[in-house]
PDB file of N, CA and C in Angstrom:
ATOM      1  N   MET A   1       0.861  -1.178   0.000  1.00  0.00           N
ATOM      2  CA  MET A   1       0.000   0.000   0.000  1.00  0.00           C
ATOM      3  C   MET A   1       0.900   1.230   0.000  1.00  0.00           C
ATOM      4  N   ASN A   2       0.622   2.187  -0.882  1.00  0.00           N
ATOM      5  CA  ASN A   2       1.466   3.366  -0.974  1.00  0.00           C
ATOM      6  C   ASN A   2       1.093   4.412   0.087  1.00  0.00           C
ATOM      7  N   TYR A   3       1.929   5.426   0.211  1.00  0.00           N
ATOM      8  CA  TYR A   3       1.744   6.437   1.248  1.00  0.00           C
ATOM      9  C   TYR A   3       0.439   7.222   1.075  1.00  0.00           C
ATOM     10  N   ILE A   4      -0.017   7.394  -0.143  1.00  0.00           N
ATOM     11  CA  ILE A   4      -1.265   8.134  -0.354  1.00  0.00           C
ATOM     12  C   ILE A   4      -2.442   7.320   0.184  1.00  0.00           C
ATOM     13  N   LEU A   5      -2.462   6.021  -0.114  1.00  0.00           N
ATOM     14  CA  LEU A   5      -3.548   5.181   0.397  1.00  0.00           C
ATOM     15  C   LEU A   5      -3.498   5.058   1.913  1.00  0.00           C
ATOM     16  N   ARG A   6      -2.309   4.963   2.477  1.00  0.00           N
ATOM     17  CA  ARG A   6      -2.198   4.904   3.944  1.00  0.00           C
ATOM     18  C   ARG A   6      -2.716   6.193   4.581  1.00  0.00           C
ATOM     19  N   THR A   7      -2.354   7.304   4.003  1.00  0.00           N
ATOM     20  CA  THR A   7      -2.826   8.589   4.519  1.00  0.00           C
ATOM     21  C   THR A   7      -4.340   8.688   4.377  1.00  0.00           C
ATOM     22  N   ALA A   8      -4.870   8.241   3.238  1.00  0.00           N
ATOM     23  CA  ALA A   8      -6.324   8.246   3.031  1.00  0.00           C
ATOM     24  C   ALA A   8      -7.008   7.380   4.076  1.00  0.00           C
ATOM     25  N   ALA A   9      -6.400   6.236   4.408  1.00  0.00           N
ATOM     26  CA  ALA A   9      -6.984   5.354   5.418  1.00  0.00           C
ATOM     27  C   ALA A   9      -7.011   6.030   6.789  1.00  0.00           C
ATOM     28  N   VAL A  10      -5.937   6.696   7.147  1.00  0.00           N
ATOM     29  CA  VAL A  10      -5.895   7.405   8.440  1.00  0.00           C
ATOM     30  C   VAL A  10      -6.932   8.516   8.467  1.00  0.00           C
ATOM     31  N   PHE A  11      -6.956   9.333   7.421  1.00  0.00           N
ATOM     32  CA  PHE A  11      -7.915  10.439   7.386  1.00  0.00           C
ATOM     33  C   PHE A  11      -9.348   9.934   7.259  1.00  0.00           C
ATOM     34  N   GLY A  12      -9.554   8.817   6.569  1.00  0.00           N
ATOM     35  CA  GLY A  12     -10.890   8.231   6.494  1.00  0.00           C
ATOM     36  C   GLY A  12     -11.362   7.759   7.854  1.00  0.00           C
ATOM     37  N   PHE A  13     -10.477   7.090   8.583  1.00  0.00           N
ATOM     38  CA  PHE A  13     -10.791   6.666   9.949  1.00  0.00           C
ATOM     39  C   PHE A  13     -11.168   7.873  10.806  1.00  0.00           C
ATOM     40  N   LEU A  14     -10.350   8.922  10.718  1.00  0.00           N
ATOM     41  CA  LEU A  14     -10.627  10.132  11.504  1.00  0.00           C
ATOM     42  C   LEU A  14     -11.939  10.799  11.104  1.00  0.00           C
ATOM     43  N   ALA A  15     -12.248  10.794   9.814  1.00  0.00           N
ATOM     44  CA  ALA A  15     -13.496  11.404   9.356  1.00  0.00           C
ATOM     45  C   ALA A  15     -14.704  10.687   9.947  1.00  0.00           C
ATOM     46  N   VAL A  16     -14.672   9.357   9.938  1.00  0.00           N
ATOM     47  CA  VAL A  16     -15.775   8.596  10.523  1.00  0.00           C
ATOM     48  C   VAL A  16     -15.834   8.819  12.031  1.00  0.00           C
ATOM     49  N   ALA A  17     -14.683   8.740  12.683  1.00  0.00           N
ATOM     50  CA  ALA A  17     -14.645   8.907  14.140  1.00  0.00           C
ATOM     51  C   ALA A  17     -15.114  10.298  14.553  1.00  0.00           C
ATOM     52  N   LEU A  18     -14.638  11.327  13.859  1.00  0.00           N
ATOM     53  CA  LEU A  18     -15.029  12.693  14.209  1.00  0.00           C
ATOM     54  C   LEU A  18     -16.491  12.957  13.872  1.00  0.00           C
ATOM     55  N   GLY A  19     -16.960  12.404  12.760  1.00  0.00           N
ATOM     56  CA  GLY A  19     -18.377  12.551  12.426  1.00  0.00           C
ATOM     57  C   GLY A  19     -19.263  11.932  13.485  1.00  0.00           C
ATOM     58  N   ALA A  20     -18.924  10.729  13.918  1.00  0.00           N
ATOM     59  CA  ALA A  20     -19.708  10.053  14.962  1.00  0.00           C
ATOM     60  C   ALA A  20     -19.584  10.774  16.299  1.00  0.00           C
ATOM     61  N   PHE A  21     -18.382  11.212  16.622  1.00  0.00           N
ATOM     62  CA  PHE A  21     -18.166  11.916  17.884  1.00  0.00           C
ATOM     63  C   PHE A  21     -18.970  13.211  17.918  1.00  0.00           C
ATOM     64  N   GLY A  22     -19.000  13.917  16.796  1.00  0.00           N
ATOM     65  CA  GLY A  22     -19.785  15.152  16.736  1.00  0.00           C
ATOM     66  C   GLY A  22     -21.272  14.886  16.872  1.00  0.00           C
ATOM     67  N   SER A  23     -21.749  13.806  16.268  1.00  0.00           N
ATOM     68  CA  SER A  23     -23.176  13.480  16.315  1.00  0.00           C
ATOM     69  C   SER A  23     -23.624  12.959  17.666  1.00  0.00           C
ATOM     70  N   HIS A  24     -22.718  12.300  18.373  1.00  0.00           N
ATOM     71  CA  HIS A  24     -23.114  11.660  19.622  1.00  0.00           C
ATOM     72  C   HIS A  24     -22.451  12.311  20.842  1.00  0.00           C
ATOM     73  N   GLY A  25     -21.136  12.307  20.874  1.00  0.00           N
ATOM     74  CA  GLY A  25     -20.425  12.794  22.048  1.00  0.00           C
ATOM     75  C   GLY A  25     -20.477  14.290  22.245  1.00  0.00           C
ATOM     76  N   LEU A  26     -20.557  15.028  21.150  1.00  0.00           N
ATOM     77  CA  LEU A  26     -20.544  16.491  21.245  1.00  0.00           C
ATOM     78  C   LEU A  26     -21.894  17.132  20.933  1.00  0.00           C
ATOM     79  N   ARG A  27     -22.915  16.333  20.779  1.00  0.00           N
ATOM     80  CA  ARG A  27     -24.207  16.856  20.343  1.00  0.00           C
ATOM     81  C   ARG A  27     -24.662  18.053  21.182  1.00  0.00           C
ATOM     82  N   GLN A  28     -24.631  17.921  22.497  1.00  0.00           N
ATOM     83  CA  GLN A  28     -25.114  19.001  23.359  1.00  0.00           C
ATOM     84  C   GLN A  28     -24.250  20.247  23.238  1.00  0.00           C
ATOM     85  N   ILE A  29     -22.945  20.072  23.227  1.00  0.00           N
ATOM     86  CA  ILE A  29     -22.043  21.228  23.109  1.00  0.00           C
ATOM     87  C   ILE A  29     -22.277  21.954  21.797  1.00  0.00           C
ATOM     88  N   LEU A  30     -22.380  21.197  20.709  1.00  0.00           N
ATOM     89  CA  LEU A  30     -22.574  21.809  19.397  1.00  0.00           C
ATOM     90  C   LEU A  30     -23.931  22.492  19.302  1.00  0.00           C
ATOM     91  N   GLN A  31     -24.950  21.921  19.943  1.00  0.00           N
ATOM     92  CA  GLN A  31     -26.271  22.557  19.943  1.00  0.00           C
ATOM     93  C   GLN A  31     -26.264  23.826  20.781  1.00  0.00           C
ATOM     94  N   ILE A  32     -25.630  23.762  21.942  1.00  0.00           N
ATOM     95  CA  ILE A  32     -25.546  24.945  22.802  1.00  0.00           C
ATOM     96  C   ILE A  32     -24.791  26.071  22.100  1.00  0.00           C
ATOM     97  N   ASN A  33     -23.660  25.710  21.472  1.00  0.00           N
ATOM     98  CA  ASN A  33     -22.852  26.709  20.758  1.00  0.00           C
ATOM     99  C   ASN A  33     -23.478  27.135  19.433  1.00  0.00           C
ATOM    100  N   GLY A  34     -24.455  26.367  18.944  1.00  0.00           N
ATOM    101  CA  GLY A  34     -25.045  26.654  17.638  1.00  0.00           C
ATOM    102  C   GLY A  34     -24.082  26.381  16.503  1.00  0.00           C
ATOM    103  N   THR A  35     -23.195  25.398  16.693  1.00  0.00           N
ATOM    104  CA  THR A  35     -22.141  25.152  15.708  1.00  0.00           C
ATOM    105  C   THR A  35     -22.209  23.763  15.071  1.00  0.00           C
ATOM    106  N   ALA A  36     -23.339  23.099  15.193  1.00  0.00           N
ATOM    107  CA  ALA A  36     -23.465  21.756  14.595  1.00  0.00           C
ATOM    108  C   ALA A  36     -23.252  21.808  13.086  1.00  0.00           C
ATOM    109  N   SER A  37     -23.731  22.850  12.438  1.00  0.00           N
ATOM    110  CA  SER A  37     -23.564  22.940  10.980  1.00  0.00           C
ATOM    111  C   SER A  37     -22.095  23.154  10.608  1.00  0.00           C
ATOM    112  N   ILE A  38     -21.336  23.811  11.454  1.00  0.00           N
ATOM    113  CA  ILE A  38     -19.898  23.991  11.197  1.00  0.00           C
ATOM    114  C   ILE A  38     -19.211  22.635  11.261  1.00  0.00           C
ATOM    115  N   TRP A  39     -19.559  21.833  12.267  1.00  0.00           N
ATOM    116  CA  TRP A  39     -18.989  20.488  12.402  1.00  0.00           C
ATOM    117  C   TRP A  39     -19.348  19.642  11.178  1.00  0.00           C
ATOM    118  N   GLN A  40     -20.594  19.744  10.735  1.00  0.00           N
ATOM    119  CA  GLN A  40     -21.036  18.967   9.570  1.00  0.00           C
ATOM    120  C   GLN A  40     -20.291  19.385   8.306  1.00  0.00           C
ATOM    121  N   THR A  41     -20.042  20.681   8.148  1.00  0.00           N
ATOM    122  CA  THR A  41     -19.289  21.161   6.996  1.00  0.00           C
ATOM    123  C   THR A  41     -17.873  20.593   7.021  1.00  0.00           C
ATOM    124  N   ALA A  42     -17.248  20.608   8.184  1.00  0.00           N
ATOM    125  CA  ALA A  42     -15.896  20.053   8.309  1.00  0.00           C
ATOM    126  C   ALA A  42     -15.891  18.577   7.942  1.00  0.00           C
ATOM    127  N   THR A  43     -16.857  17.840   8.458  1.00  0.00           N
ATOM    128  CA  THR A  43     -16.933  16.408   8.181  1.00  0.00           C
ATOM    129  C   THR A  43     -17.162  16.142   6.698  1.00  0.00           C
ATOM    130  N   PHE A  44     -18.022  16.925   6.062  1.00  0.00           N
ATOM    131  CA  PHE A  44     -18.301  16.746   4.636  1.00  0.00           C
ATOM    132  C   PHE A  44     -17.043  16.950   3.797  1.00  0.00           C
ATOM    133  N   TYR A  45     -16.357  18.069   3.984  1.00  0.00           N
ATOM    134  CA  TYR A  45     -15.152  18.338   3.198  1.00  0.00           C
ATOM    135  C   TYR A  45     -14.048  17.329   3.515  1.00  0.00           C
ATOM    136  N   HIS A  46     -13.998  16.892   4.756  1.00  0.00           N
ATOM    137  CA  HIS A  46     -13.040  15.871   5.167  1.00  0.00           C
ATOM    138  C   HIS A  46     -13.270  14.597   4.346  1.00  0.00           C
ATOM    139  N   PHE A  47     -14.520  14.126   4.316  1.00  0.00           N
ATOM    140  CA  PHE A  47     -14.843  12.905   3.562  1.00  0.00           C
ATOM    141  C   PHE A  47     -14.603  13.068   2.065  1.00  0.00           C
ATOM    142  N   VAL A  48     -15.002  14.172   1.506  1.00  0.00           N
ATOM    143  CA  VAL A  48     -14.830  14.384   0.063  1.00  0.00           C
ATOM    144  C   VAL A  48     -13.364  14.272  -0.322  1.00  0.00           C
ATOM    145  N   HIS A  49     -12.492  14.860   0.479  1.00  0.00           N
ATOM    146  CA  HIS A  49     -11.084  14.844   0.123  1.00  0.00           C
ATOM    147  C   HIS A  49     -10.402  13.525   0.475  1.00  0.00           C
ATOM    148  N   VAL A  50     -10.959  12.774   1.408  1.00  0.00           N
ATOM    149  CA  VAL A  50     -10.494  11.401   1.616  1.00  0.00           C
ATOM    150  C   VAL A  50     -10.791  10.581   0.358  1.00  0.00           C
ATOM    151  N   LEU A  51     -11.978  10.750  -0.202  1.00  0.00           N
ATOM    152  CA  LEU A  51     -12.302  10.042  -1.452  1.00  0.00           C
ATOM    153  C   LEU A  51     -11.349  10.447  -2.573  1.00  0.00           C
ATOM    154  N   GLY A  52     -11.022  11.733  -2.632  1.00  0.00           N
ATOM    155  CA  GLY A  52     -10.047  12.188  -3.617  1.00  0.00           C
ATOM    156  C   GLY A  52      -8.691  11.540  -3.412  1.00  0.00           C
ATOM    157  N   LEU A  53      -8.264  11.444  -2.155  1.00  0.00           N
ATOM    158  CA  LEU A  53      -6.986  10.793  -1.863  1.00  0.00           C
ATOM    159  C   LEU A  53      -7.017   9.312  -2.244  1.00  0.00           C
ATOM    160  N   LEU A  54      -8.136   8.647  -1.986  1.00  0.00           N
ATOM    161  CA  LEU A  54      -8.262   7.242  -2.386  1.00  0.00           C
ATOM    162  C   LEU A  54      -8.127   7.097  -3.894  1.00  0.00           C
ATOM    163  N   TRP A  55      -8.784   7.966  -4.622  1.00  0.00           N
ATOM    164  CA  TRP A  55      -8.719   7.950  -6.078  1.00  0.00           C
ATOM    165  C   TRP A  55      -7.284   8.215  -6.534  1.00  0.00           C
ATOM    166  N   LEU A  56      -6.658   9.205  -5.926  1.00  0.00           N
ATOM    167  CA  LEU A  56      -5.295   9.585  -6.296  1.00  0.00           C
ATOM    168  C   LEU A  56      -4.310   8.452  -6.005  1.00  0.00           C
ATOM    169  N   GLY A  57      -4.502   7.782  -4.875  1.00  0.00           N
ATOM    170  CA  GLY A  57      -3.580   6.728  -4.480  1.00  0.00           C
ATOM    171  C   GLY A  57      -3.858   5.376  -5.099  1.00  0.00           C
ATOM    172  N   ASN A  58      -4.974   5.269  -5.799  1.00  0.00           N
ATOM    173  CA  ASN A  58      -5.367   3.984  -6.368  1.00  0.00           C
ATOM    174  C   ASN A  58      -4.907   3.834  -7.823  1.00  0.00           C
ATOM    175  N   GLY A  59      -3.761   4.381  -8.118  1.00  0.00           N
ATOM    176  CA  GLY A  59      -3.161   4.135  -9.417  1.00  0.00           C
ATOM    177  C   GLY A  59      -3.447   5.155 -10.489  1.00  0.00           C
ATOM    178  N   VAL A  60      -4.100   6.282 -10.168  1.00  0.00           N
ATOM    179  CA  VAL A  60      -4.285   7.305 -11.186  1.00  0.00           C
ATOM    180  C   VAL A  60      -2.898   7.803 -11.596  1.00  0.00           C
ATOM    181  N   LYS A  61      -2.711   7.999 -12.846  1.00  0.00           N
ATOM    182  CA  LYS A  61      -1.402   8.391 -13.350  1.00  0.00           C
ATOM    183  C   LYS A  61      -1.398   9.895 -13.643  1.00  0.00           C
ATOM    184  N   THR A  62      -0.636  10.618 -12.841  1.00  0.00           N
ATOM    185  CA  THR A  62      -0.409  12.026 -13.104  1.00  0.00           C
ATOM    186  C   THR A  62       0.983  12.367 -12.596  1.00  0.00           C
ATOM    187  N   SER A  63       1.624  13.282 -13.276  1.00  0.00           N
ATOM    188  CA  SER A  63       2.978  13.668 -12.884  1.00  0.00           C
ATOM    189  C   SER A  63       2.975  14.551 -11.637  1.00  0.00           C
ATOM    190  N   ARG A  64       1.818  14.966 -11.203  1.00  0.00           N
ATOM    191  CA  ARG A  64       1.725  15.922 -10.085  1.00  0.00           C
ATOM    192  C   ARG A  64       1.024  15.336  -8.862  1.00  0.00           C
ATOM    193  N   SER A  65       0.988  14.028  -8.725  1.00  0.00           N
ATOM    194  CA  SER A  65       0.292  13.386  -7.603  1.00  0.00           C
ATOM    195  C   SER A  65       0.789  13.875  -6.249  1.00  0.00           C
ATOM    196  N   SER A  66       2.087  14.051  -6.112  1.00  0.00           N
ATOM    197  CA  SER A  66       2.641  14.487  -4.826  1.00  0.00           C
ATOM    198  C   SER A  66       2.149  15.878  -4.450  1.00  0.00           C
ATOM    199  N   GLU A  67       2.110  16.773  -5.430  1.00  0.00           N
ATOM    200  CA  GLU A  67       1.651  18.131  -5.151  1.00  0.00           C
ATOM    201  C   GLU A  67       0.169  18.150  -4.783  1.00  0.00           C
ATOM    202  N   ILE A  68      -0.621  17.377  -5.502  1.00  0.00           N
ATOM    203  CA  ILE A  68      -2.058  17.285  -5.211  1.00  0.00           C
ATOM    204  C   ILE A  68      -2.260  16.719  -3.812  1.00  0.00           C
ATOM    205  N   PHE A  69      -1.517  15.658  -3.493  1.00  0.00           N
ATOM    206  CA  PHE A  69      -1.572  15.041  -2.168  1.00  0.00           C
ATOM    207  C   PHE A  69      -1.288  16.072  -1.078  1.00  0.00           C
ATOM    208  N   ILE A  70      -0.205  16.817  -1.226  1.00  0.00           N
ATOM    209  CA  ILE A  70       0.172  17.825  -0.221  1.00  0.00           C
ATOM    210  C   ILE A  70      -0.922  18.871  -0.070  1.00  0.00           C
ATOM    211  N   CYS A  71      -1.475  19.334  -1.174  1.00  0.00           N
ATOM    212  CA  CYS A  71      -2.538  20.344  -1.116  1.00  0.00           C
ATOM    213  C   CYS A  71      -3.771  19.818  -0.381  1.00  0.00           C
ATOM    214  N   TRP A  72      -4.200  18.624  -0.712  1.00  0.00           N
ATOM    215  CA  TRP A  72      -5.417  18.085  -0.094  1.00  0.00           C
ATOM    216  C   TRP A  72      -5.211  17.752   1.378  1.00  0.00           C
ATOM    217  N   VAL A  73      -4.049  17.216   1.731  1.00  0.00           N
ATOM    218  CA  VAL A  73      -3.782  16.935   3.147  1.00  0.00           C
ATOM    219  C   VAL A  73      -3.713  18.246   3.936  1.00  0.00           C
ATOM    220  N   THR A  74      -3.043  19.243   3.369  1.00  0.00           N
ATOM    221  CA  THR A  74      -2.991  20.557   4.013  1.00  0.00           C
ATOM    222  C   THR A  74      -4.396  21.128   4.167  1.00  0.00           C
ATOM    223  N   GLY A  75      -5.223  20.963   3.153  1.00  0.00           N
ATOM    224  CA  GLY A  75      -6.603  21.441   3.220  1.00  0.00           C
ATOM    225  C   GLY A  75      -7.394  20.749   4.313  1.00  0.00           C
ATOM    226  N   ILE A  76      -7.232  19.429   4.440  1.00  0.00           N
ATOM    227  CA  ILE A  76      -7.952  18.711   5.496  1.00  0.00           C
ATOM    228  C   ILE A  76      -7.524  19.224   6.863  1.00  0.00           C
ATOM    229  N   VAL A  77      -6.225  19.386   7.052  1.00  0.00           N
ATOM    230  CA  VAL A  77      -5.722  19.837   8.352  1.00  0.00           C
ATOM    231  C   VAL A  77      -6.170  21.261   8.648  1.00  0.00           C
ATOM    232  N   LEU A  78      -5.977  22.173   7.706  1.00  0.00           N
ATOM    233  CA  LEU A  78      -6.284  23.586   7.964  1.00  0.00           C
ATOM    234  C   LEU A  78      -7.777  23.893   7.898  1.00  0.00           C
ATOM    235  N   PHE A  79      -8.434  23.479   6.821  1.00  0.00           N
ATOM    236  CA  PHE A  79      -9.853  23.796   6.646  1.00  0.00           C
ATOM    237  C   PHE A  79     -10.700  23.037   7.659  1.00  0.00           C
ATOM    238  N   CYS A  80     -10.619  21.714   7.591  1.00  0.00           N
ATOM    239  CA  CYS A  80     -11.456  20.893   8.466  1.00  0.00           C
ATOM    240  C   CYS A  80     -11.035  21.031   9.919  1.00  0.00           C
ATOM    241  N   GLY A  81      -9.726  21.002  10.154  1.00  0.00           N
ATOM    242  CA  GLY A  81      -9.236  21.122  11.520  1.00  0.00           C
ATOM    243  C   GLY A  81      -9.666  22.411  12.192  1.00  0.00           C
ATOM    244  N   SER A  82      -9.574  23.525  11.472  1.00  0.00           N
ATOM    245  CA  SER A  82      -9.984  24.803  12.068  1.00  0.00           C
ATOM    246  C   SER A  82     -11.490  24.836  12.317  1.00  0.00           C
ATOM    247  N   LEU A  83     -12.274  24.232  11.427  1.00  0.00           N
ATOM    248  CA  LEU A  83     -13.721  24.192  11.642  1.00  0.00           C
ATOM    249  C   LEU A  83     -14.095  23.293  12.817  1.00  0.00           C
ATOM    250  N   TYR A  84     -13.434  22.144  12.945  1.00  0.00           N
ATOM    251  CA  TYR A  84     -13.696  21.277  14.098  1.00  0.00           C
ATOM    252  C   TYR A  84     -13.418  22.041  15.392  1.00  0.00           C
ATOM    253  N   LEU A  85     -12.266  22.697  15.450  1.00  0.00           N
ATOM    254  CA  LEU A  85     -11.909  23.442  16.659  1.00  0.00           C
ATOM    255  C   LEU A  85     -12.843  24.616  16.904  1.00  0.00           C
ATOM    256  N   LEU A  86     -13.192  25.326  15.860  1.00  0.00           N
ATOM    257  CA  LEU A  86     -14.122  26.451  15.987  1.00  0.00           C
ATOM    258  C   LEU A  86     -15.467  25.987  16.533  1.00  0.00           C
ATOM    259  N   ALA A  87     -15.960  24.864  16.023  1.00  0.00           N
ATOM    260  CA  ALA A  87     -17.263  24.353  16.455  1.00  0.00           C
ATOM    261  C   ALA A  87     -17.268  24.009  17.941  1.00  0.00           C
ATOM    262  N   VAL A  88     -16.152  23.504  18.434  1.00  0.00           N
ATOM    263  CA  VAL A  88     -16.095  23.079  19.839  1.00  0.00           C
ATOM    264  C   VAL A  88     -15.764  24.242  20.769  1.00  0.00           C
ATOM    265  N   THR A  89     -14.822  25.074  20.361  1.00  0.00           N
ATOM    266  CA  THR A  89     -14.339  26.125  21.264  1.00  0.00           C
ATOM    267  C   THR A  89     -15.078  27.450  21.120  1.00  0.00           C
ATOM    268  N   GLY A  90     -15.596  27.707  19.923  1.00  0.00           N
ATOM    269  CA  GLY A  90     -16.225  28.997  19.671  1.00  0.00           C
ATOM    270  C   GLY A  90     -15.231  30.113  19.428  1.00  0.00           C
ATOM    271  N   TYR A  91     -13.933  29.795  19.348  1.00  0.00           N
ATOM    272  CA  TYR A  91     -12.917  30.820  19.085  1.00  0.00           C
ATOM    273  C   TYR A  91     -13.030  31.293  17.644  1.00  0.00           C
ATOM    274  N   LYS A  92     -13.527  32.492  17.478  1.00  0.00           N
ATOM    275  CA  LYS A  92     -13.786  33.034  16.139  1.00  0.00           C
ATOM    276  C   LYS A  92     -12.504  33.236  15.322  1.00  0.00           C
ATOM    277  N   TRP A  93     -11.376  33.464  15.997  1.00  0.00           N
ATOM    278  CA  TRP A  93     -10.136  33.704  15.260  1.00  0.00           C
ATOM    279  C   TRP A  93      -9.731  32.496  14.413  1.00  0.00           C
ATOM    280  N   LEU A  94     -10.235  31.305  14.765  1.00  0.00           N
ATOM    281  CA  LEU A  94      -9.930  30.120  13.962  1.00  0.00           C
ATOM    282  C   LEU A  94     -10.503  30.242  12.559  1.00  0.00           C
ATOM    283  N   GLY A  95     -11.526  31.070  12.414  1.00  0.00           N
ATOM    284  CA  GLY A  95     -12.108  31.309  11.096  1.00  0.00           C
ATOM    285  C   GLY A  95     -11.121  31.927  10.122  1.00  0.00           C
ATOM    286  N   ALA A  96     -10.055  32.543  10.637  1.00  0.00           N
ATOM    287  CA  ALA A  96      -9.028  33.122   9.767  1.00  0.00           C
ATOM    288  C   ALA A  96      -8.147  32.049   9.143  1.00  0.00           C
ATOM    289  N   VAL A  97      -8.090  30.884   9.764  1.00  0.00           N
ATOM    290  CA  VAL A  97      -7.276  29.780   9.247  1.00  0.00           C
ATOM    291  C   VAL A  97      -8.027  29.020   8.150  1.00  0.00           C
ATOM    292  N   THR A  98      -9.332  28.952   8.283  1.00  0.00           N
ATOM    293  CA  THR A  98     -10.160  28.149   7.386  1.00  0.00           C
ATOM    294  C   THR A  98      -9.941  28.475   5.907  1.00  0.00           C
ATOM    295  N   PRO A  99      -9.908  29.744   5.499  1.00  0.00           N
ATOM    296  CA  PRO A  99      -9.705  30.023   4.069  1.00  0.00           C
ATOM    297  C   PRO A  99      -8.370  29.518   3.519  1.00  0.00           C
ATOM    298  N   LEU A 100      -7.352  29.444   4.379  1.00  0.00           N
ATOM    299  CA  LEU A 100      -6.066  28.905   3.909  1.00  0.00           C
ATOM    300  C   LEU A 100      -6.220  27.438   3.527  1.00  0.00           C
ATOM    301  N   GLY A 101      -7.001  26.707   4.310  1.00  0.00           N
ATOM    302  CA  GLY A 101      -7.291  25.320   3.963  1.00  0.00           C
ATOM    303  C   GLY A 101      -8.125  25.222   2.703  1.00  0.00           C
ATOM    304  N   GLY A 102      -9.093  26.124   2.568  1.00  0.00           N
ATOM    305  CA  GLY A 102      -9.904  26.152   1.345  1.00  0.00           C
ATOM    306  C   GLY A 102      -9.062  26.427   0.112  1.00  0.00           C
ATOM    307  N   LEU A 103      -8.107  27.344   0.241  1.00  0.00           N
ATOM    308  CA  LEU A 103      -7.197  27.618  -0.875  1.00  0.00           C
ATOM    309  C   LEU A 103      -6.345  26.390  -1.200  1.00  0.00           C
ATOM    310  N   SER A 104      -5.954  25.651  -0.175  1.00  0.00           N
ATOM    311  CA  SER A 104      -5.185  24.421  -0.412  1.00  0.00           C
ATOM    312  C   SER A 104      -6.007  23.402  -1.185  1.00  0.00           C
ATOM    313  N   PHE A 105      -7.284  23.252  -0.809  1.00  0.00           N
ATOM    314  CA  PHE A 105      -8.163  22.359  -1.564  1.00  0.00           C
ATOM    315  C   PHE A 105      -8.254  22.807  -3.023  1.00  0.00           C
ATOM    316  N   LEU A 106      -8.512  24.097  -3.219  1.00  0.00           N
ATOM    317  CA  LEU A 106      -8.650  24.628  -4.579  1.00  0.00           C
ATOM    318  C   LEU A 106      -7.371  24.445  -5.386  1.00  0.00           C
ATOM    319  N   LEU A 107      -6.241  24.693  -4.753  1.00  0.00           N
ATOM    320  CA  LEU A 107      -4.967  24.534  -5.450  1.00  0.00           C
ATOM    321  C   LEU A 107      -4.763  23.084  -5.882  1.00  0.00           C
ATOM    322  N   GLY A 108      -5.110  22.143  -5.012  1.00  0.00           N
ATOM    323  CA  GLY A 108      -4.996  20.732  -5.373  1.00  0.00           C
ATOM    324  C   GLY A 108      -5.846  20.385  -6.584  1.00  0.00           C
ATOM    325  N   TRP A 109      -7.076  20.882  -6.591  1.00  0.00           N
ATOM    326  CA  TRP A 109      -7.952  20.610  -7.738  1.00  0.00           C
ATOM    327  C   TRP A 109      -7.442  21.303  -9.004  1.00  0.00           C
ATOM    328  N   ALA A 110      -6.885  22.518  -8.853  1.00  0.00           N
ATOM    329  CA  ALA A 110      -6.340  23.231 -10.015  1.00  0.00           C
ATOM    330  C   ALA A 110      -5.130  22.495 -10.584  1.00  0.00           C
ATOM    331  N   VAL A 111      -4.264  21.989  -9.708  1.00  0.00           N
ATOM    332  CA  VAL A 111      -3.100  21.230 -10.173  1.00  0.00           C
ATOM    333  C   VAL A 111      -3.571  19.980 -10.915  1.00  0.00           C
ATOM    334  N   LEU A 112      -4.590  19.323 -10.373  1.00  0.00           N
ATOM    335  CA  LEU A 112      -5.132  18.141 -11.052  1.00  0.00           C
ATOM    336  C   LEU A 112      -5.672  18.513 -12.423  1.00  0.00           C
ATOM    337  N   LEU A 113      -6.379  19.616 -12.500  1.00  0.00           N
ATOM    338  CA  LEU A 113      -6.931  20.069 -13.779  1.00  0.00           C
ATOM    339  C   LEU A 113      -5.833  20.345 -14.793  1.00  0.00           C
ATOM    340  N   LEU A 114      -4.792  21.031 -14.361  1.00  0.00           N
ATOM    341  CA  LEU A 114      -3.727  21.413 -15.285  1.00  0.00           C
ATOM    342  C   LEU A 114      -2.834  20.221 -15.651  1.00  0.00           C
ATOM    343  N   ALA A 115      -2.563  19.351 -14.695  1.00  0.00           N
ATOM    344  CA  ALA A 115      -1.704  18.199 -14.969  1.00  0.00           C
ATOM    345  C   ALA A 115      -2.494  17.118 -15.695  1.00  0.00           C
ATOM    346  N   GLY A 116      -3.724  16.913 -15.253  1.00  0.00           N
ATOM    347  CA  GLY A 116      -4.584  15.915 -15.850  1.00  0.00           C
ATOM    348  C   GLY A 116      -4.039  14.500 -15.706  1.00  0.00           C
ATOM    349  N   PRO A 117      -4.933  13.550 -15.572  1.00  0.00           N
ATOM    350  CA  PRO A 117      -4.484  12.159 -15.525  1.00  0.00           C
ATOM    351  C   PRO A 117      -3.921  11.727 -16.870  1.00  0.00           C
ATOM    352  N   ARG A 118      -2.889  10.915 -16.818  1.00  0.00           N
ATOM    353  CA  ARG A 118      -2.325  10.329 -18.050  1.00  0.00           C
ATOM    354  C   ARG A 118      -3.020   9.006 -18.302  1.00  0.00           C
ATOM    355  N   THR A 119      -3.205   8.684 -19.546  1.00  0.00           N
ATOM    356  CA  THR A 119      -3.825   7.389 -19.879  1.00  0.00           C
ATOM    357  C   THR A 119      -2.788   6.376 -20.248  1.00  0.00           C
TER     358      THR A 119
END
């Protein structure tokens, strides 16, 4: 198993665990804070990019796989991570980190578009 698939497996595990934890263990906190939708957004983008990593690591041929991988992993950490923390803590300053993760996601998709898969 290559490093991209291993990373996808770790992030996939975390996405399921964090999604379940938010729905069950943190339900009251998220409802009190009014941040359940923030947690759900983080979980959604987390899962979407895990699927992208699985696709990328499952033999897609592109000369830029490493760059795409770095962008998407950075996006999961910054975008999703800041939203998870914001939802639990209510620290609004974390919202300043979120767009950096969003830009990382966008950059990864742009690199994929420009490099394109090889057949």
